[in-house]
Protein backbone atom coordinates (compact mmCIF):
# COMPACT_ATOMS: atom_id res chain seq x y z
CA MET A 1 40.01 -13.44 74.41
CA SER A 2 37.00 -12.72 76.65
CA LYS A 3 33.44 -13.02 75.52
CA ARG A 4 33.25 -9.32 74.44
CA LYS A 5 33.60 -8.44 71.01
CA ILE A 6 37.24 -8.03 69.52
CA ASN A 7 37.94 -4.50 68.94
CA ILE A 8 39.58 -4.08 65.43
CA ALA A 9 41.46 -0.95 64.07
CA VAL A 10 41.60 -0.75 60.32
CA VAL A 11 44.84 0.93 59.15
CA GLY A 12 44.80 2.17 55.63
CA LEU A 13 41.47 3.15 54.08
CA GLY A 14 41.78 2.42 50.39
CA PHE A 15 41.59 -1.40 50.13
CA GLY A 16 41.08 -1.50 54.02
CA ALA A 17 37.64 0.19 53.77
CA GLU A 18 36.40 -3.01 51.99
CA PHE A 19 36.62 -4.73 55.41
CA ILE A 20 34.94 -2.16 57.68
CA PRO A 21 31.38 -3.42 57.45
CA ILE A 22 32.59 -7.06 57.68
CA TRP A 23 34.14 -6.34 60.83
CA GLN A 24 31.21 -4.42 62.14
CA LYS A 25 28.84 -7.14 61.26
CA HIS A 26 30.84 -10.23 62.38
CA PRO A 27 29.27 -11.60 65.56
CA HIS A 28 32.57 -11.54 67.29
CA THR A 29 34.17 -8.18 66.17
CA ASP A 30 33.73 -4.64 65.95
CA CYS A 31 35.52 -1.96 63.89
CA MET A 32 36.34 0.35 66.77
CA ALA A 33 38.87 2.53 64.99
CA ILE A 34 40.44 3.52 61.79
CA CYS A 35 43.71 5.13 60.93
CA GLN A 36 44.95 7.14 57.66
CA ARG A 37 47.36 10.09 57.37
CA ASN A 38 44.92 11.94 55.06
CA GLU A 39 42.56 13.47 57.65
CA GLU A 40 39.96 14.46 55.04
CA ASN A 41 39.51 11.01 53.81
CA LEU A 42 39.72 9.66 57.52
CA ASN A 43 36.78 11.64 58.45
CA LYS A 44 34.84 10.95 55.27
CA VAL A 45 35.13 7.13 55.87
CA GLY A 46 34.62 7.55 59.56
CA ASP A 47 31.31 9.49 59.01
CA GLU A 48 30.21 6.96 56.43
CA TRP A 49 30.54 4.04 58.55
CA GLY A 50 30.00 5.58 61.99
CA ILE A 51 33.37 5.01 63.61
CA ALA A 52 34.14 7.57 66.34
CA LYS A 53 37.92 6.66 66.90
CA ARG A 54 40.05 8.16 64.18
CA PHE A 55 43.71 8.25 64.06
CA THR A 56 46.24 10.01 61.64
CA ASP A 57 49.21 8.62 63.76
CA PHE A 58 49.68 4.88 63.80
CA ASP A 59 51.71 5.10 67.03
CA LYS A 60 49.00 6.86 68.83
CA LEU A 61 46.54 4.09 67.75
CA LEU A 62 48.88 1.41 69.21
CA ARG A 63 48.73 3.14 72.52
CA ASP A 64 45.01 2.96 72.84
CA PRO A 65 44.34 0.06 75.33
CA GLU A 66 40.81 -0.55 73.98
CA ILE A 67 42.13 -1.83 70.62
CA ASP A 68 42.85 -5.54 70.66
CA ALA A 69 43.96 -6.16 66.95
CA VAL A 70 45.06 -4.01 63.98
CA HIS A 71 44.25 -4.83 60.38
CA ILE A 72 46.99 -3.37 58.27
CA ASN A 73 46.23 -2.19 54.68
CA SER A 74 49.01 0.41 54.37
CA PRO A 75 51.61 0.52 51.54
CA ILE A 76 53.77 -2.49 51.11
CA PRO A 77 56.98 -1.00 52.60
CA LEU A 78 55.15 -0.40 55.80
CA HIS A 79 53.83 -3.82 56.41
CA GLY A 80 56.83 -5.30 58.08
CA PRO A 81 57.64 -2.25 60.40
CA GLN A 82 53.91 -1.60 61.37
CA SER A 83 53.27 -5.38 62.08
CA ILE A 84 56.33 -5.38 64.17
CA ALA A 85 55.39 -2.30 66.13
CA ALA A 86 51.81 -3.48 66.71
CA LEU A 87 53.16 -6.94 68.10
CA LYS A 88 55.49 -5.08 70.42
CA ALA A 89 52.56 -2.95 71.56
CA GLY A 90 50.62 -5.97 72.46
CA LYS A 91 48.21 -6.01 69.56
CA HIS A 92 47.11 -8.98 67.39
CA VAL A 93 47.86 -8.30 63.64
CA ALA A 94 45.96 -9.10 60.38
CA CYS A 95 48.02 -7.70 57.48
CA THR A 96 47.43 -7.52 53.79
CA VAL A 97 50.01 -9.03 51.46
CA PRO A 98 52.97 -9.24 51.34
CA MET A 99 54.11 -9.83 55.01
CA ALA A 100 57.19 -7.70 54.55
CA THR A 101 59.75 -6.54 52.16
CA SER A 102 62.80 -8.43 53.68
CA VAL A 103 63.60 -11.82 55.10
CA GLU A 104 64.76 -10.14 58.36
CA GLU A 105 61.34 -8.45 58.84
CA CYS A 106 59.54 -11.77 58.41
CA LEU A 107 61.72 -13.61 60.96
CA GLU A 108 61.24 -10.82 63.53
CA ILE A 109 57.48 -11.27 63.07
CA ILE A 110 57.74 -14.89 63.68
CA ARG A 111 59.89 -14.31 66.81
CA LEU A 112 57.44 -11.79 68.22
CA THR A 113 54.53 -14.06 67.99
CA ARG A 114 56.37 -16.85 69.59
CA GLU A 115 57.65 -14.54 72.29
CA THR A 116 54.35 -12.93 73.08
CA GLY A 117 51.80 -15.50 72.20
CA LEU A 118 50.09 -12.95 70.05
CA THR A 119 48.39 -13.79 66.67
CA TYR A 120 49.43 -12.81 63.27
CA MET A 121 47.85 -13.60 59.97
CA MET A 122 48.65 -12.55 56.51
CA MET A 123 45.37 -11.85 54.73
CA GLU A 124 46.13 -13.71 51.53
CA THR A 125 42.94 -13.44 49.38
CA VAL A 126 43.53 -16.16 47.01
CA VAL A 127 43.58 -19.02 49.61
CA TYR A 128 39.97 -17.97 50.55
CA ALA A 129 38.76 -17.39 47.05
CA ARG A 130 35.89 -19.75 45.84
CA GLU A 131 37.99 -21.28 43.27
CA TYR A 132 40.77 -22.25 45.62
CA LEU A 133 38.11 -23.56 48.12
CA PHE A 134 36.69 -25.51 45.39
CA MET A 135 40.08 -27.13 44.46
CA LYS A 136 40.78 -27.65 48.13
CA GLN A 137 37.43 -29.55 48.41
CA LEU A 138 38.23 -31.77 45.62
CA ARG A 139 41.70 -32.48 47.21
CA ASP A 140 40.25 -33.21 50.64
CA THR A 141 37.52 -35.47 49.32
CA GLY A 142 40.13 -37.53 47.13
CA ALA A 143 38.47 -36.51 43.88
CA LEU A 144 41.84 -35.28 42.60
CA GLY A 145 43.58 -38.43 43.47
CA LYS A 146 47.27 -37.97 44.06
CA ILE A 147 48.35 -34.52 43.31
CA GLN A 148 51.12 -34.51 40.73
CA TYR A 149 51.75 -30.81 39.88
CA ILE A 150 50.48 -27.38 40.76
CA GLN A 151 51.18 -24.07 39.03
CA SER A 152 49.92 -20.58 39.55
CA SER A 153 50.30 -17.14 38.15
CA HIS A 154 49.61 -13.57 38.98
CA GLN A 155 49.86 -11.13 36.09
CA GLN A 156 48.75 -7.56 36.41
CA ASP A 157 49.51 -4.17 34.57
CA MET A 158 50.65 -1.83 37.40
CA ASP A 159 51.32 1.04 35.24
CA GLY A 160 49.83 4.19 36.81
CA TRP A 161 49.81 2.90 40.30
CA PRO A 162 51.40 5.28 42.84
CA ASP A 163 54.50 5.51 45.08
CA TYR A 164 56.42 2.36 45.58
CA TRP A 165 54.81 0.21 42.73
CA PRO A 166 56.85 1.47 39.68
CA GLY A 167 59.46 -1.04 38.74
CA LEU A 168 58.62 -3.39 41.83
CA PRO A 169 60.27 -6.77 41.21
CA PRO A 170 57.55 -9.32 40.25
CA MET A 171 58.35 -11.85 42.87
CA HIS A 172 58.33 -9.33 45.66
CA TYR A 173 54.56 -9.45 45.38
CA ALA A 174 54.36 -13.08 44.87
CA THR A 175 51.97 -14.42 47.74
CA HIS A 176 48.94 -14.48 45.40
CA CYS A 177 50.45 -17.36 43.53
CA VAL A 178 52.97 -18.86 46.01
CA GLY A 179 50.31 -18.99 48.73
CA PRO A 180 47.62 -21.14 46.72
CA ALA A 181 50.25 -23.33 45.21
CA LEU A 182 51.72 -24.31 48.55
CA GLY A 183 48.41 -24.24 50.24
CA LEU A 184 47.12 -26.91 47.84
CA ALA A 185 50.33 -28.83 48.04
CA GLY A 186 49.95 -28.98 51.87
CA GLY A 187 53.53 -28.02 52.46
CA ASP A 188 56.18 -25.41 52.86
CA ALA A 189 58.66 -24.20 50.37
CA GLU A 190 62.11 -25.80 51.03
CA TYR A 191 64.20 -24.01 48.29
CA VAL A 192 63.50 -22.00 45.11
CA SER A 193 65.07 -21.30 41.70
CA CYS A 194 63.91 -18.49 39.60
CA PHE A 195 64.60 -16.86 36.33
CA GLY A 196 63.92 -13.62 34.82
CA SER A 197 62.82 -12.87 31.38
CA GLY A 198 62.43 -9.89 29.23
CA THR A 199 63.17 -6.31 30.27
CA ILE A 200 60.97 -3.36 31.46
CA ARG A 201 61.47 0.28 30.59
CA GLU A 202 64.57 2.01 31.63
CA GLU A 203 62.85 4.51 33.80
CA LEU A 204 61.17 1.65 35.86
CA ILE A 205 64.44 -0.41 36.27
CA GLY A 206 66.04 2.40 38.19
CA HIS A 207 63.44 2.26 41.25
CA TYR A 208 64.60 -1.25 42.41
CA ARG A 209 67.37 -2.16 39.97
CA SER A 210 65.20 -5.01 38.69
CA PRO A 211 65.19 -5.46 35.01
CA PHE A 212 62.77 -8.22 34.49
CA ALA A 213 59.28 -8.13 32.84
CA VAL A 214 58.56 -11.69 34.05
CA GLU A 215 59.89 -13.93 36.75
CA THR A 216 59.23 -17.64 36.78
CA ALA A 217 60.09 -19.80 39.76
CA HIS A 218 60.16 -23.45 40.61
CA VAL A 219 59.55 -24.12 44.19
CA LYS A 220 60.49 -27.41 45.98
CA VAL A 221 57.85 -28.46 48.45
CA ARG A 222 59.47 -29.77 51.69
CA ASN A 223 58.99 -33.42 52.64
CA SER A 224 57.14 -34.06 49.33
CA ASP A 225 57.73 -35.30 45.81
CA LEU A 226 56.05 -32.19 44.60
CA SER A 227 57.39 -29.16 43.12
CA VAL A 228 55.23 -26.11 41.93
CA ARG A 229 55.70 -23.33 39.39
CA VAL A 230 54.71 -19.63 39.90
CA ILE A 231 54.77 -16.87 37.27
CA ARG A 232 54.72 -13.15 38.04
CA SER A 233 54.55 -10.01 35.82
CA LEU A 234 53.79 -6.36 36.62
CA PHE A 235 54.95 -4.12 33.83
CA ASP A 236 55.40 -4.06 30.11
CA THR A 237 53.67 -7.46 29.57
CA ALA A 238 50.40 -7.59 27.68
CA ARG A 239 47.97 -9.63 29.78
CA GLN A 240 44.56 -9.07 31.36
CA TYR A 241 44.57 -9.27 35.10
CA ARG A 242 44.84 -12.88 36.21
CA GLU A 243 45.40 -14.76 39.38
CA SER A 244 45.24 -18.52 38.37
CA ILE A 245 45.79 -21.88 39.91
CA ASP A 246 46.10 -25.10 37.88
CA VAL A 247 46.16 -28.42 39.96
CA TYR A 248 46.97 -31.69 38.19
CA GLY A 249 45.86 -34.94 40.00
CA SER A 250 45.97 -38.57 39.00
CA ARG A 251 42.12 -38.74 38.74
CA GLN A 252 41.08 -35.24 38.09
CA SER A 253 42.66 -31.91 37.29
CA VAL A 254 41.40 -28.26 37.32
CA GLU A 255 42.64 -25.52 35.07
CA TRP A 256 41.91 -21.93 35.46
CA PRO A 257 40.30 -20.10 32.45
CA LEU A 258 42.46 -17.99 30.21
CA VAL A 259 39.93 -15.17 30.12
CA GLU A 260 38.32 -13.64 33.22
CA HIS A 261 34.78 -14.76 34.07
CA GLN A 262 35.11 -17.94 32.05
CA PRO A 263 34.45 -21.35 33.80
CA LEU A 264 37.12 -23.48 35.17
CA ILE A 265 37.91 -26.74 33.18
CA LEU A 266 37.79 -29.85 34.92
CA HIS A 267 39.71 -32.84 33.31
CA THR A 268 38.74 -36.47 34.40
CA ALA A 269 41.06 -39.35 33.74
CA LYS A 270 40.30 -42.48 31.78
CA LYS A 271 37.11 -40.99 30.00
CA PRO A 272 37.01 -41.01 26.19
CA GLU A 273 39.22 -38.26 24.74
CA PRO A 274 36.55 -35.87 23.86
CA GLU A 275 34.87 -36.20 27.29
CA ILE A 276 37.96 -35.52 29.55
CA PRO A 277 37.34 -31.86 29.79
CA SER A 278 34.21 -30.31 31.15
CA GLU A 279 33.41 -26.80 32.21
CA VAL A 280 32.59 -26.17 35.79
CA THR A 281 31.76 -23.18 37.90
CA ALA A 282 33.26 -22.98 41.42
CA PRO A 283 30.31 -22.76 43.89
CA ASP A 284 30.24 -20.01 46.49
CA PHE A 285 31.17 -20.95 49.88
CA ALA A 286 29.19 -18.39 51.90
CA HIS A 287 27.61 -21.26 53.90
CA LEU A 288 30.83 -21.49 55.71
CA LEU A 289 30.30 -18.06 57.20
CA PRO A 290 28.16 -16.30 59.82
CA GLU A 291 24.92 -15.33 58.02
CA SER A 292 25.56 -11.66 58.92
CA ILE A 293 28.59 -11.48 56.61
CA ARG A 294 27.66 -13.87 53.87
CA ARG A 295 26.52 -11.34 51.40
CA TYR A 296 30.16 -10.12 50.96
CA THR A 297 31.24 -13.24 49.06
CA THR A 298 29.37 -11.97 45.95
CA ARG A 299 29.46 -8.17 46.35
CA GLY A 300 31.79 -5.50 47.81
CA ILE A 301 30.80 -2.84 50.26
CA TYR A 302 29.57 -0.41 47.71
CA ASP A 303 26.74 -0.51 45.18
CA SER A 304 28.94 -0.03 42.13
CA ASP A 305 32.53 -0.75 40.85
CA GLU A 306 32.96 3.14 40.73
CA ASN A 307 33.77 3.25 44.39
CA GLN A 308 35.59 0.00 44.82
CA HIS A 309 39.23 -0.05 45.40
CA LEU A 310 41.13 -0.79 42.02
CA SER A 311 42.64 -4.07 43.18
CA PHE A 312 39.11 -5.36 44.17
CA THR A 313 37.77 -4.33 40.74
CA GLN A 314 40.66 -5.79 38.68
CA GLY A 315 40.60 -8.90 40.82
CA ALA A 316 37.04 -9.65 40.08
CA GLY A 317 36.13 -9.27 43.68
CA HIS A 318 39.03 -11.40 44.98
CA GLY A 319 36.92 -14.46 44.58
CA GLY A 320 34.55 -13.55 47.49
CA SER A 321 37.47 -14.00 49.91
CA HIS A 322 37.18 -11.00 52.20
CA PRO A 323 34.55 -12.18 54.72
CA HIS A 324 36.36 -15.59 54.88
CA LEU A 325 39.71 -13.87 55.71
CA ALA A 326 37.89 -11.74 58.47
CA HIS A 327 36.11 -14.75 59.84
CA GLU A 328 39.31 -16.97 60.15
CA PHE A 329 41.32 -14.14 61.92
CA ALA A 330 38.32 -13.60 64.31
CA MET A 331 37.72 -17.23 65.00
CA ALA A 332 41.61 -17.84 65.52
CA LEU A 333 41.31 -15.32 68.39
CA VAL A 334 38.09 -16.69 69.82
CA GLU A 335 39.14 -20.27 69.73
CA LYS A 336 42.75 -19.37 70.72
CA ARG A 337 44.33 -21.30 67.75
CA ALA A 338 46.75 -20.42 64.95
CA PRO A 339 44.99 -18.98 61.73
CA PHE A 340 45.72 -20.13 58.24
CA PRO A 341 48.18 -18.89 57.32
CA ASP A 342 50.02 -18.02 60.52
CA ALA A 343 53.17 -16.05 61.12
CA ARG A 344 55.35 -18.88 60.02
CA GLN A 345 53.37 -19.88 56.98
CA SER A 346 53.03 -16.15 56.00
CA ALA A 347 56.84 -15.87 56.18
CA ASN A 348 57.51 -19.04 54.21
CA TRP A 349 55.23 -17.73 51.42
CA THR A 350 56.53 -14.28 51.58
CA CYS A 351 60.29 -15.17 51.79
CA THR A 352 59.84 -17.51 48.74
CA GLY A 353 59.08 -14.65 46.65
CA ILE A 354 61.87 -12.47 48.07
CA LEU A 355 64.43 -15.23 47.61
CA ALA A 356 63.07 -16.07 44.12
CA HIS A 357 63.95 -12.58 43.05
CA GLU A 358 67.39 -12.92 44.51
CA SER A 359 67.72 -16.12 42.55
CA ALA A 360 66.59 -14.44 39.27
CA MET A 361 69.25 -11.78 39.68
CA GLU A 362 71.90 -14.55 40.25
CA GLY A 363 70.81 -16.49 37.14
CA GLY A 364 68.52 -19.09 38.73
CA ALA A 365 70.83 -19.99 41.92
CA ILE A 366 68.96 -22.23 44.23
CA LYS A 367 67.98 -20.34 47.47
CA TYR A 368 66.87 -22.04 50.60
CA LEU A 369 64.15 -20.88 52.75
CA PRO A 370 65.19 -19.87 56.39
CA ILE A 371 64.80 -22.68 58.99
CA GLU A 372 62.56 -20.56 60.97
CA THR A 373 59.87 -20.58 58.25
CA LEU A 374 59.97 -24.46 58.20
CA ALA A 375 60.21 -25.16 62.04
């Protein structure tokens, strides 16, 4: 990239609107354009944030030579096709999770990035949440000792969500728990076995022919003695919203609280039994960011939760991850390096969930990740 600012187009203005001022205030980027099919909302958001270029047609946006990169926040079924189209049009891609809905789409995105040299990053919030960054810091400094086991979960009640959500197989939206587990493990998924449990309502089953209320997978980490466990539920399972990570080391372990807004529990080995656990609060990592966007680790773009996107409100602000995600993508382009996660890692995490559901439908059969996600 040249020294001029990187021109970003935000596609999808529900969750996507949360990033507009971050792109505007980052020292290396500008939110040049926005895109949404609903013209009334498109103009409302454009007026609110002073964005002149507005598109209701994604293909027309891709033909604009001034746009360097697209940040895709459209419905899940469009992630793969829109990412592929953008890469073919010569645009860098940041895309909200999951990467795609099929293994084939994931592999095509890998192929295109390797063929074109363009950058792709899946914007996985949890691997930039303060709790994850705290656990990673403990790992990197050696405080955890040898990591022995990691488990993660994402449980959410999706009743009332529109369009494609009803009956969605739990593991088709698994990157919020697969990503942090593999990220802390420092490796890729090699193979996965998954079991379904319980049954959702009949009217929900018909959408995807997926019966399970809960899916639980064990994932073998490649070239490692570790396996990780991930748990997903979306319907007919009573649980407060929870995206959690537990990491168990030989010296210290960290467990996520059972109830939102409670502190993490840090366990320290070899202390007297009552002293082993202690409550800790993950620090904010805003100091890692340019000063102009640090405020967004502790608050959204609006003054009250009434205007925030529902996923942001339910997810307790996504752990302050949004400015970290934007900064990582921007700096990957500026420094001409791969982001974390890049296309290959994003595909490995996404395909783990896709294949986990296939495994569950086949009674726990082992499913190997495609070699392209490991190479």
